[in-house]
């Protein structure tokens, strides 16, 4: 890859929700997207689009709303159901972010947290998450957007 070129890369992530409620889905998704932003230094202006999927047991809210809450107002977002394979992980939220970046594929950090770690243990290089600190970071981001 040239030093000056930018390409569209996929950044994957997944997490699980504690329950099928609006608040739980949004909280889990905000945490996931926030970790993906922080691990990869993603600027929303460089995001081409993002696709969110949920398992059939999560229907209380669109997970893409969490990205809007974090300021992704101009990013095209799509929500869909994950294929319902027997025995697959339940209460799972997945995201695929299409990101314009000069980083190489091997420099991308995919984020799998909570129960979703079992989906891709080979990609789970995320340091232990301090969820209290993460929630404070999210609150600051949301506060800056509202005021």
N, C-alpha and C. Protein backbone atom coordinates (compact mmCIF):
# COMPACT_ATOMS: atom_id res chain seq x y z
N UNK A 1 0.84 -1.18 0.00
CA UNK A 1 0.00 0.00 0.00
C UNK A 1 0.88 1.24 0.00
N UNK A 2 0.50 2.26 -0.75
CA UNK A 2 1.23 3.52 -0.79
C UNK A 2 1.08 4.27 0.52
N UNK A 3 2.06 5.04 0.87
CA UNK A 3 2.00 5.83 2.09
C UNK A 3 0.91 6.89 2.05
N UNK A 4 0.51 7.32 0.88
CA UNK A 4 -0.45 8.41 0.76
C UNK A 4 -1.86 7.93 0.46
N UNK A 5 -2.07 6.65 0.30
CA UNK A 5 -3.39 6.19 -0.09
C UNK A 5 -4.26 5.84 1.11
N UNK A 6 -5.54 6.04 0.92
CA UNK A 6 -6.54 5.68 1.91
C UNK A 6 -7.45 4.66 1.24
N UNK A 7 -7.75 3.60 1.97
CA UNK A 7 -8.65 2.58 1.46
C UNK A 7 -9.76 2.35 2.48
N UNK A 8 -10.79 1.69 2.04
CA UNK A 8 -11.89 1.35 2.94
C UNK A 8 -11.59 0.00 3.58
N UNK A 9 -11.51 -0.02 4.91
CA UNK A 9 -11.25 -1.23 5.68
C UNK A 9 -12.48 -1.59 6.50
N UNK A 10 -12.65 -2.86 6.74
CA UNK A 10 -13.72 -3.32 7.62
C UNK A 10 -13.19 -3.51 9.02
N UNK A 11 -13.93 -2.99 9.99
CA UNK A 11 -13.62 -3.17 11.40
C UNK A 11 -14.79 -3.90 12.02
N UNK A 12 -14.52 -5.10 12.57
CA UNK A 12 -15.58 -5.92 13.14
C UNK A 12 -15.61 -5.78 14.65
N UNK A 13 -16.80 -5.97 15.19
CA UNK A 13 -16.96 -5.99 16.63
C UNK A 13 -18.23 -6.72 17.01
N UNK A 14 -18.25 -7.23 18.22
CA UNK A 14 -19.45 -7.91 18.73
C UNK A 14 -19.43 -7.86 20.25
N UNK A 15 -20.62 -7.88 20.80
CA UNK A 15 -20.81 -7.90 22.25
C UNK A 15 -22.12 -8.60 22.54
N UNK A 16 -22.43 -8.72 23.79
CA UNK A 16 -23.72 -9.27 24.19
C UNK A 16 -24.45 -8.27 25.08
N UNK A 17 -25.76 -8.33 25.03
CA UNK A 17 -26.61 -7.49 25.85
C UNK A 17 -27.06 -8.29 27.07
N UNK A 18 -27.26 -7.60 28.17
CA UNK A 18 -27.71 -8.29 29.39
C UNK A 18 -29.16 -8.71 29.32
N UNK A 19 -29.95 -8.00 28.48
CA UNK A 19 -31.37 -8.33 28.33
C UNK A 19 -31.92 -7.65 27.08
N UNK A 20 -33.13 -8.02 26.73
CA UNK A 20 -33.80 -7.42 25.58
C UNK A 20 -34.58 -6.20 26.04
N UNK A 21 -33.85 -5.14 26.33
CA UNK A 21 -34.49 -3.87 26.68
C UNK A 21 -33.77 -2.77 25.92
N UNK A 22 -34.47 -1.66 25.71
CA UNK A 22 -33.90 -0.52 25.00
C UNK A 22 -32.60 -0.08 25.66
N UNK A 23 -32.63 0.12 26.97
CA UNK A 23 -31.45 0.61 27.68
C UNK A 23 -30.27 -0.36 27.59
N UNK A 24 -30.54 -1.64 27.75
CA UNK A 24 -29.45 -2.63 27.72
C UNK A 24 -28.83 -2.73 26.33
N UNK A 25 -29.64 -2.70 25.29
CA UNK A 25 -29.13 -2.78 23.92
C UNK A 25 -28.29 -1.54 23.59
N UNK A 26 -28.80 -0.36 23.95
CA UNK A 26 -28.06 0.86 23.66
C UNK A 26 -26.77 0.94 24.46
N UNK A 27 -26.81 0.56 25.73
CA UNK A 27 -25.60 0.60 26.55
C UNK A 27 -24.52 -0.34 25.99
N UNK A 28 -24.91 -1.57 25.68
CA UNK A 28 -23.94 -2.54 25.15
C UNK A 28 -23.36 -2.06 23.81
N UNK A 29 -24.22 -1.51 22.96
CA UNK A 29 -23.76 -1.05 21.65
C UNK A 29 -22.87 0.18 21.77
N UNK A 30 -23.25 1.13 22.64
CA UNK A 30 -22.39 2.31 22.85
C UNK A 30 -21.01 1.89 23.34
N UNK A 31 -20.98 0.96 24.28
CA UNK A 31 -19.68 0.49 24.79
C UNK A 31 -18.86 -0.15 23.67
N UNK A 32 -19.49 -0.98 22.86
CA UNK A 32 -18.78 -1.64 21.76
C UNK A 32 -18.23 -0.63 20.77
N UNK A 33 -19.08 0.29 20.32
CA UNK A 33 -18.64 1.29 19.34
C UNK A 33 -17.55 2.18 19.94
N UNK A 34 -17.71 2.56 21.20
CA UNK A 34 -16.70 3.40 21.86
C UNK A 34 -15.35 2.68 21.91
N UNK A 35 -15.36 1.41 22.23
CA UNK A 35 -14.10 0.64 22.25
C UNK A 35 -13.49 0.56 20.86
N UNK A 36 -14.32 0.37 19.85
CA UNK A 36 -13.81 0.31 18.48
C UNK A 36 -13.20 1.65 18.06
N UNK A 37 -13.86 2.75 18.43
CA UNK A 37 -13.37 4.09 18.13
C UNK A 37 -12.00 4.30 18.79
N UNK A 38 -11.94 3.98 20.07
CA UNK A 38 -10.72 4.24 20.84
C UNK A 38 -9.57 3.33 20.41
N UNK A 39 -9.84 2.06 20.16
CA UNK A 39 -8.77 1.12 19.78
C UNK A 39 -8.19 1.45 18.41
N UNK A 40 -9.02 2.00 17.52
CA UNK A 40 -8.59 2.24 16.14
C UNK A 40 -8.42 3.71 15.79
N UNK A 41 -8.73 4.60 16.73
CA UNK A 41 -8.67 6.04 16.49
C UNK A 41 -9.56 6.42 15.31
N UNK A 42 -10.79 5.97 15.35
CA UNK A 42 -11.74 6.21 14.27
C UNK A 42 -12.39 7.58 14.44
N UNK A 43 -12.33 8.36 13.38
CA UNK A 43 -13.03 9.64 13.31
C UNK A 43 -14.30 9.39 12.50
N UNK A 44 -15.47 9.78 13.02
CA UNK A 44 -16.71 9.53 12.28
C UNK A 44 -16.70 10.11 10.86
N UNK A 45 -15.94 11.18 10.64
CA UNK A 45 -15.86 11.77 9.30
C UNK A 45 -15.23 10.81 8.29
N UNK A 46 -14.50 9.81 8.77
CA UNK A 46 -13.84 8.84 7.89
C UNK A 46 -14.62 7.54 7.75
N UNK A 47 -15.77 7.44 8.39
CA UNK A 47 -16.56 6.22 8.33
C UNK A 47 -17.49 6.28 7.12
N UNK A 48 -17.37 5.29 6.24
CA UNK A 48 -18.20 5.23 5.04
C UNK A 48 -19.62 4.76 5.39
N UNK A 49 -19.72 3.75 6.26
CA UNK A 49 -21.01 3.22 6.68
C UNK A 49 -20.78 2.19 7.78
N UNK A 50 -21.86 1.78 8.40
CA UNK A 50 -21.78 0.73 9.42
C UNK A 50 -23.06 -0.10 9.37
N UNK A 51 -22.88 -1.39 9.51
CA UNK A 51 -24.00 -2.33 9.55
C UNK A 51 -24.01 -3.01 10.90
N UNK A 52 -25.16 -2.96 11.55
CA UNK A 52 -25.36 -3.61 12.84
C UNK A 52 -26.29 -4.79 12.65
N UNK A 53 -25.99 -5.89 13.31
CA UNK A 53 -26.93 -7.01 13.34
C UNK A 53 -27.17 -7.40 14.79
N UNK A 54 -28.35 -7.95 15.01
CA UNK A 54 -28.71 -8.48 16.32
C UNK A 54 -29.29 -9.87 16.13
N UNK A 55 -29.20 -10.66 17.18
CA UNK A 55 -29.87 -11.96 17.14
C UNK A 55 -31.37 -11.73 17.33
N UNK A 56 -32.17 -12.71 16.94
CA UNK A 56 -33.64 -12.57 16.93
C UNK A 56 -34.22 -12.26 18.30
N UNK A 57 -33.47 -12.52 19.37
CA UNK A 57 -33.99 -12.28 20.71
C UNK A 57 -33.76 -10.84 21.19
N UNK A 58 -33.21 -9.98 20.33
CA UNK A 58 -33.01 -8.58 20.67
C UNK A 58 -33.81 -7.72 19.68
N UNK A 59 -34.96 -7.26 20.12
CA UNK A 59 -35.80 -6.45 19.24
C UNK A 59 -36.39 -5.22 19.92
N UNK A 60 -35.83 -4.82 21.06
CA UNK A 60 -36.38 -3.70 21.81
C UNK A 60 -35.89 -2.33 21.30
N UNK A 61 -34.81 -2.32 20.50
CA UNK A 61 -34.29 -1.06 19.96
C UNK A 61 -33.34 -1.35 18.81
N UNK A 62 -33.20 -0.36 17.94
CA UNK A 62 -32.21 -0.43 16.87
C UNK A 62 -30.83 -0.13 17.45
N UNK A 63 -29.85 -1.01 17.31
CA UNK A 63 -28.53 -0.73 17.87
C UNK A 63 -27.84 0.47 17.21
N UNK A 64 -28.19 0.79 15.99
CA UNK A 64 -27.58 1.93 15.31
C UNK A 64 -27.84 3.25 16.04
N UNK A 65 -28.91 3.31 16.81
CA UNK A 65 -29.19 4.52 17.59
C UNK A 65 -28.03 4.86 18.52
N UNK A 66 -27.34 3.85 19.02
CA UNK A 66 -26.19 4.08 19.91
C UNK A 66 -25.10 4.85 19.18
N UNK A 67 -24.87 4.54 17.91
CA UNK A 67 -23.87 5.27 17.13
C UNK A 67 -24.31 6.72 16.93
N UNK A 68 -25.58 6.94 16.70
CA UNK A 68 -26.11 8.31 16.60
C UNK A 68 -25.87 9.06 17.91
N UNK A 69 -26.09 8.37 19.03
CA UNK A 69 -25.88 9.00 20.34
C UNK A 69 -24.43 9.41 20.54
N UNK A 70 -23.52 8.74 19.84
CA UNK A 70 -22.09 9.07 19.92
C UNK A 70 -21.66 10.06 18.83
N UNK A 71 -22.63 10.60 18.09
CA UNK A 71 -22.32 11.65 17.13
C UNK A 71 -22.21 11.24 15.68
N UNK A 72 -22.57 10.02 15.35
CA UNK A 72 -22.46 9.55 13.98
C UNK A 72 -23.72 9.95 13.19
N UNK A 73 -23.93 11.26 13.06
CA UNK A 73 -25.15 11.77 12.42
C UNK A 73 -25.11 11.65 10.90
N UNK A 74 -23.94 11.78 10.29
CA UNK A 74 -23.82 11.76 8.84
C UNK A 74 -23.39 10.41 8.28
N UNK A 75 -23.22 9.43 9.15
CA UNK A 75 -22.78 8.10 8.71
C UNK A 75 -24.00 7.25 8.35
N UNK A 76 -24.02 6.66 7.15
CA UNK A 76 -25.11 5.75 6.81
C UNK A 76 -25.03 4.50 7.70
N UNK A 77 -26.13 4.20 8.38
CA UNK A 77 -26.19 3.07 9.30
C UNK A 77 -27.34 2.15 8.89
N UNK A 78 -27.15 0.86 9.11
CA UNK A 78 -28.16 -0.14 8.76
C UNK A 78 -28.23 -1.18 9.86
N UNK A 79 -29.44 -1.59 10.18
CA UNK A 79 -29.64 -2.67 11.17
C UNK A 79 -30.32 -3.84 10.49
N UNK A 80 -29.98 -5.03 10.96
CA UNK A 80 -30.55 -6.25 10.40
C UNK A 80 -30.47 -7.36 11.44
N UNK A 81 -31.11 -8.48 11.13
CA UNK A 81 -30.99 -9.65 11.99
C UNK A 81 -29.84 -10.53 11.54
N UNK A 82 -29.18 -11.12 12.49
CA UNK A 82 -28.13 -12.10 12.24
C UNK A 82 -28.82 -13.42 11.85
N UNK A 83 -28.17 -14.22 11.05
CA UNK A 83 -28.71 -15.54 10.69
C UNK A 83 -28.92 -16.34 11.98
N UNK A 84 -30.10 -16.91 12.12
CA UNK A 84 -30.48 -17.62 13.35
C UNK A 84 -30.07 -19.10 13.27
N UNK A 85 -28.80 -19.34 13.50
CA UNK A 85 -28.25 -20.70 13.43
C UNK A 85 -28.50 -21.39 14.78
N UNK A 86 -29.03 -22.62 14.76
CA UNK A 86 -29.26 -23.33 16.02
C UNK A 86 -27.96 -23.44 16.84
N UNK A 87 -28.06 -23.13 18.11
CA UNK A 87 -26.92 -23.23 19.01
C UNK A 87 -25.99 -22.03 18.99
N UNK A 88 -26.31 -21.01 18.19
CA UNK A 88 -25.43 -19.84 18.13
C UNK A 88 -25.63 -18.94 19.36
N UNK A 89 -24.70 -18.02 19.55
CA UNK A 89 -24.72 -17.10 20.67
C UNK A 89 -25.98 -16.27 20.66
N UNK A 90 -26.63 -16.17 21.79
CA UNK A 90 -27.85 -15.38 21.94
C UNK A 90 -27.53 -13.97 22.45
N UNK A 91 -28.50 -13.08 22.33
CA UNK A 91 -28.41 -11.69 22.79
C UNK A 91 -27.12 -11.01 22.31
N UNK A 92 -26.81 -11.26 21.05
CA UNK A 92 -25.55 -10.78 20.49
C UNK A 92 -25.79 -9.60 19.53
N UNK A 93 -24.96 -8.60 19.67
CA UNK A 93 -24.96 -7.43 18.79
C UNK A 93 -23.63 -7.43 18.04
N UNK A 94 -23.70 -7.34 16.72
CA UNK A 94 -22.50 -7.30 15.91
C UNK A 94 -22.48 -6.01 15.10
N UNK A 95 -21.29 -5.55 14.74
CA UNK A 95 -21.17 -4.38 13.89
C UNK A 95 -20.01 -4.58 12.93
N UNK A 96 -20.20 -4.08 11.73
CA UNK A 96 -19.14 -4.01 10.73
C UNK A 96 -19.07 -2.55 10.28
N UNK A 97 -17.96 -1.91 10.63
CA UNK A 97 -17.74 -0.51 10.26
C UNK A 97 -16.86 -0.48 9.02
N UNK A 98 -17.30 0.24 8.00
CA UNK A 98 -16.52 0.46 6.78
C UNK A 98 -15.82 1.80 6.95
N UNK A 99 -14.50 1.75 7.10
CA UNK A 99 -13.72 2.91 7.53
C UNK A 99 -12.63 3.25 6.53
N UNK A 100 -12.62 4.50 6.08
CA UNK A 100 -11.59 4.99 5.17
C UNK A 100 -10.36 5.36 5.99
N UNK A 101 -9.26 4.64 5.75
CA UNK A 101 -8.07 4.81 6.57
C UNK A 101 -6.81 4.46 5.78
N UNK A 102 -5.70 5.07 6.13
CA UNK A 102 -4.43 4.67 5.52
C UNK A 102 -3.82 3.44 6.21
N UNK A 103 -4.44 2.98 7.31
CA UNK A 103 -3.90 1.82 8.03
C UNK A 103 -4.02 0.56 7.19
N UNK A 104 -3.05 -0.31 7.37
CA UNK A 104 -3.09 -1.61 6.71
C UNK A 104 -4.03 -2.56 7.43
N UNK A 105 -4.44 -3.61 6.76
CA UNK A 105 -5.38 -4.57 7.33
C UNK A 105 -4.89 -5.14 8.67
N UNK A 106 -3.61 -5.40 8.78
CA UNK A 106 -3.06 -5.97 10.01
C UNK A 106 -3.00 -4.96 11.17
N UNK A 107 -3.20 -3.69 10.86
CA UNK A 107 -3.20 -2.65 11.90
C UNK A 107 -4.58 -2.41 12.50
N UNK A 108 -5.59 -3.03 11.93
CA UNK A 108 -6.97 -2.87 12.40
C UNK A 108 -7.19 -3.73 13.64
N UNK A 109 -7.84 -3.14 14.64
CA UNK A 109 -8.16 -3.87 15.87
C UNK A 109 -9.65 -4.15 15.91
N UNK A 110 -10.01 -5.41 15.75
CA UNK A 110 -11.40 -5.83 15.87
C UNK A 110 -11.69 -6.01 17.35
N UNK A 111 -12.93 -5.77 17.76
CA UNK A 111 -13.27 -5.75 19.18
C UNK A 111 -14.41 -6.72 19.48
N UNK A 112 -14.11 -7.71 20.29
CA UNK A 112 -15.11 -8.68 20.75
C UNK A 112 -15.10 -8.65 22.27
N UNK A 113 -16.25 -8.37 22.88
CA UNK A 113 -16.30 -8.24 24.33
C UNK A 113 -17.43 -9.09 24.91
N UNK A 114 -17.39 -9.19 26.21
CA UNK A 114 -18.40 -9.91 26.99
C UNK A 114 -18.57 -11.32 26.42
N UNK A 115 -19.80 -11.79 26.27
CA UNK A 115 -20.04 -13.15 25.78
C UNK A 115 -19.59 -13.38 24.35
N UNK A 116 -19.40 -12.30 23.59
CA UNK A 116 -19.02 -12.42 22.18
C UNK A 116 -17.56 -12.80 21.99
N UNK A 117 -16.78 -12.81 23.06
CA UNK A 117 -15.37 -13.22 22.95
C UNK A 117 -15.27 -14.61 22.35
N UNK A 118 -16.25 -15.45 22.63
CA UNK A 118 -16.20 -16.83 22.12
C UNK A 118 -16.34 -16.91 20.60
N UNK A 119 -16.85 -15.86 19.98
CA UNK A 119 -17.02 -15.87 18.52
C UNK A 119 -15.68 -15.83 17.79
N UNK A 120 -14.76 -15.02 18.28
CA UNK A 120 -13.46 -14.86 17.62
C UNK A 120 -12.37 -14.70 18.67
N UNK A 121 -12.07 -15.75 19.41
CA UNK A 121 -11.02 -15.63 20.44
C UNK A 121 -9.67 -15.25 19.85
N UNK A 122 -9.46 -15.54 18.56
CA UNK A 122 -8.21 -15.19 17.91
C UNK A 122 -8.06 -13.69 17.70
N UNK A 123 -9.17 -12.94 17.77
CA UNK A 123 -9.13 -11.50 17.56
C UNK A 123 -9.33 -10.71 18.85
N UNK A 124 -9.33 -11.38 19.96
CA UNK A 124 -9.64 -10.74 21.23
C UNK A 124 -8.40 -10.25 21.93
N UNK A 125 -7.72 -9.30 21.28
CA UNK A 125 -6.52 -8.73 21.88
C UNK A 125 -6.81 -7.45 22.65
N UNK A 126 -8.09 -7.24 22.97
CA UNK A 126 -8.48 -6.05 23.71
C UNK A 126 -7.99 -6.18 25.15
N UNK A 127 -7.29 -5.16 25.63
CA UNK A 127 -6.87 -5.20 27.03
C UNK A 127 -8.12 -5.23 27.92
N UNK A 128 -7.98 -5.65 29.16
CA UNK A 128 -9.15 -5.67 30.04
C UNK A 128 -9.84 -4.30 30.04
N UNK A 129 -11.16 -4.33 29.95
CA UNK A 129 -11.93 -3.10 29.83
C UNK A 129 -12.33 -2.59 31.21
N UNK A 130 -12.03 -1.34 31.47
CA UNK A 130 -12.51 -0.65 32.67
C UNK A 130 -13.84 -0.01 32.27
N UNK A 131 -14.95 -0.70 32.52
CA UNK A 131 -16.25 -0.23 32.06
C UNK A 131 -16.68 1.06 32.74
N UNK A 132 -16.24 1.30 33.96
CA UNK A 132 -16.57 2.56 34.64
C UNK A 132 -15.90 3.73 33.91
N UNK A 133 -14.62 3.58 33.56
CA UNK A 133 -13.91 4.61 32.82
C UNK A 133 -14.52 4.78 31.43
N UNK A 134 -14.88 3.68 30.80
CA UNK A 134 -15.48 3.73 29.47
C UNK A 134 -16.81 4.49 29.50
N UNK A 135 -17.63 4.23 30.51
CA UNK A 135 -18.91 4.93 30.64
C UNK A 135 -18.69 6.43 30.85
N UNK A 136 -17.66 6.81 31.56
CA UNK A 136 -17.34 8.23 31.75
C UNK A 136 -16.95 8.85 30.41
N UNK A 137 -16.15 8.15 29.61
CA UNK A 137 -15.75 8.64 28.29
C UNK A 137 -16.98 8.82 27.40
N UNK A 138 -17.88 7.84 27.42
CA UNK A 138 -19.11 7.91 26.63
C UNK A 138 -19.95 9.10 27.07
N UNK A 139 -20.08 9.31 28.37
CA UNK A 139 -20.87 10.42 28.90
C UNK A 139 -20.31 11.76 28.42
N UNK A 140 -18.99 11.89 28.41
CA UNK A 140 -18.37 13.13 27.94
C UNK A 140 -18.69 13.34 26.46
N UNK A 141 -18.58 12.28 25.66
CA UNK A 141 -18.88 12.40 24.22
C UNK A 141 -20.33 12.85 24.01
N UNK A 142 -21.24 12.24 24.74
CA UNK A 142 -22.66 12.56 24.58
C UNK A 142 -22.96 13.96 25.10
N UNK A 143 -22.30 14.37 26.17
CA UNK A 143 -22.49 15.72 26.71
C UNK A 143 -22.01 16.78 25.74
N UNK A 144 -20.86 16.53 25.10
CA UNK A 144 -20.33 17.49 24.13
C UNK A 144 -21.29 17.66 22.96
N UNK A 145 -22.00 16.62 22.60
CA UNK A 145 -22.95 16.70 21.49
C UNK A 145 -24.20 17.48 21.85
N UNK A 146 -24.59 17.40 23.11
CA UNK A 146 -25.83 18.05 23.54
C UNK A 146 -25.65 19.49 23.98
N UNK A 147 -24.43 19.89 24.25
CA UNK A 147 -24.29 21.24 24.78
C UNK A 147 -23.20 21.97 24.18
